[in-house]
Amino acid sequence: MDNSPIYVRERGNLRRVGDIILAQPKPLPSSSSSSSSSCRRTNPFVLRKEHFVFTYNEEGSLRYTTKSLFDIALLFVADNIHHVDSLVDFPEQIGDRLFVAAEESRVFLNPDVSQKALKLFSDAYGDLVLGSLCLRNRFPLLHERITEIKTFHSLKSLDLFGCRLGDDHELFRHLTSTSLASSLTQLFIGGNNLSDAGLQRLTAPVRIMHKGLDSLELLDVSCNPVSERALRYLKCLPKLVKLDASGTNMKLGTALKTAVWNLLGLIHSEKPLNTFDHSGCKTEGWAEQVVNQWETSGCQMPKQKKMEESRASALRFFGRQKFVREVLNASPLIDGKEANMEKLHFYKPTASDRLRGNMDPSTTQCLQIKNPASCIRKRTLESSTCDASSESPPTKTKCSSLVFTAEDTDLLNSY
C-alpha cells in the first residue's frame, strides 16, 4: 500500500495526490546487519506518510495537511537518536517531545540502540526520565533489561522485592558505585534471599569510603534471612528513618527494640506503616510506558545470542504471556504467609511522639535506657542542662564508627 498512488475526493471529484513519495518501511535489524543498519541514516529529503495528517471534512472528502517542520525534524532526530552525542542544556519541553517521538518509533525496543538512547536522555534530564521504578516480583524483566535499567541513574525510589537477586548480584554493586547511590532515598530489597553478608557488601562503600547509600531514608529488608547482627551494618546510614524487618530471623522483643534503638535510633511501630504496603511504590517518569512495553513485547534479542541461564529458566517457568497478564492486571504478589507474618516496622520518633505518650511500655523503656557508648556519656557530661539526652536517639559521632575488618578491606577492593 505504501507504494500505491493516493487519491483524495474533493467536491465529489477524485484526483491523485502528486509529488508525495512514501518511504520504504525500515527492515527490522538482524544479527548479520545490525552493525550496518545502526549506522544507516534516514534520508531527510524523502517524504514519508508520517509527515502528513489525513482527515475528512464535513462533505466526507479526504483532506491532507503536512506536519510542521519542527515535527518532521523531531521525527528525524528520534529515528537517528543513536547518532546524537548529547542532549544536555536542551529545554525539558524539547526533551519530552523527543522522548515521545522516540517511543512511538519503538527505538527503546531495539536492543542495539536502546541502552545508548536511554543513557542520552538520563544524562540530560535525570529523574524526569524515571524517578521511581517498581520491579516488584518482575525478575524476568529485570534480567532481560538489566543493561537498560542501569541507565536510570537518578532514581529516588527502587522496588526490587522478590527479584531473587541473592548476595552477589551485579545490580547491588551498581547501586553503590554510581551516582544512583546518592539520589536513592527509598530501597525495597525484600524477598531476595539476602543474608547478613549481602547487607555487609551493600553498605561497605558507606562504612569504609563514606559514600554510597548515604541518602537512604527508607529500607525494606523483609522476607530475607538476616539477623540482628546485620543491624550494625545499617548503622552507617545517617538519614534512615524507616525500616521493615518483617519475615526475617529477628524476633520481636525488648532485646530487639533496645538494639534497634541503640544502633539506629528507631523505635517499633505498633501499627504497620503504610509506606511498606506497596501502595505508593510505582514506576513514574517519561519511561513509564517504555518499561511496560518491555514486559508486554518481550526481549527482541537475536535468536543466535545465548540467553543467560537465569533468564531462560525464568521464561520457561512462567511463560511470557501468562506472566505479563498476571503482573499487569493483578495486585502485588503476596502469599498468605507474608500477609499474616508479624510486622517489624521501625521508625524514627519525633518530639510529638514522646509528648503524646501513646507508645507501648516496652518501647518507652527503650527510650529511657541510656546508650552505654562512651561518646554518649561524654556528651551527657558536657551538657549539664540536658537531662533529656537519654530520650533522644543516639547520634553518630566519630567514636561510634566501626573498626574495619579484613573482610571489609576485601569488600573495598572489590569496588
Foldseek 3Di string as FASTA:
>chain_A
DLQDWDWKADPNDIDTDPPAHADDDDDDDAPVCNVVVLPDADDLPHHHPVQKDWDADPVRIIDIDGDDPVVSVLLRCLVNVQVDDADAPPDPVSLLVSLVSNVVVVVCQRPSRNQVNLLRSCVRPACQAWAAAACFLVLLLCQQCVSNVLSNQQYQEYACAQNQQEQDRPVLVSQFPDSSLVRHAYYEHANNQYELNSLLLSLLCCQPVVGGNLNHAEYEHELYAYELVSLLSVLSNQRHFKYWHFNYPYDDDLVSQLSCQQRPVKGWDPDDDPVPPCPPHHIDHSCRVVSLCCLLVDHPDHPVDDRDPVSVVVCVVQPRVNVSCCVVPHDRDDDPCRVPTDIGMIGNDDPVVVVVVPDDPSRVVSLQDARPQPVLVVVCVVCVPCPSSSNGGDHDDPSSRDDDDPVSVVSVVVD
